[in-house]
Amino acid sequence: MAKRIHFPLTTAQQRRLLFETWEATGDVMQACRTAHVGRRTFYYWKPRFDQGGYAALEQFASAAPKQPARTDAAITAQIVALRTEHPTWGKRRIADELAKANGWQSVVSPNTVARVLRDHGLWTTPAKKTTLPSRDPHGWSTGSNREHRSLFCPNDTDCRSGHPGRQWLVGALDRHTAAGSPYSALPGRGVR
């Protein structure tokens, strides 16, 4: 299959040039080359040109949906009534209650419930969850919390004396045994 060339949206001047050239020469390919458009563009605009002439080439057809799918007014009223009666119910619970009343046949999706409630001012987006403070990717404590500090420093004076940037590992639990096994750092060897 041959690779297609992408042509951006045409302007009104290009379309006018396209059909003027086509009327003068009768050759579709030459008209398309002159106007720098593809043959599909020519055949897309040709019915509009045949019907309305050059004036029909001025504007694109509207891309707006002609009949947007809207929720029935009765269902919208039921959604609003359920939310008013039960303000703690969320979008899933309301959608399930409507399905239950309809023989467990889905009436609306939870997102449709949220949209209807948002349109009526009864739905606000929940606040974002706060994130926990970041940890070292290896799972080591940084020694900033006092209860974890005892693992690295038996007392505060040892951590502060001589090497402010180092912490000495005094003992650690083995994560594979229940009792744990103590480790001691060699003198002069610090854990960074």
Foldseek 3Di string as FASTA:
>chain_A
DDDDDDDDDAALVLLVQLVVVCVVPVDNVVSCVVSVHDSVVVVVCVVQCVVPNSVSSHDDDDPDDPDDDDQDPVVLVQLVVVCVVPVVDALVVSQQVVCVVVVNDGRDHSVNSQVSCVVVVSDDDDDDDDDDDDDDPVRDHPLPDPVSVCQFAVDPVVCVPPDVPFTFGQFDADPVDPVGDTDGGDPPDTDD
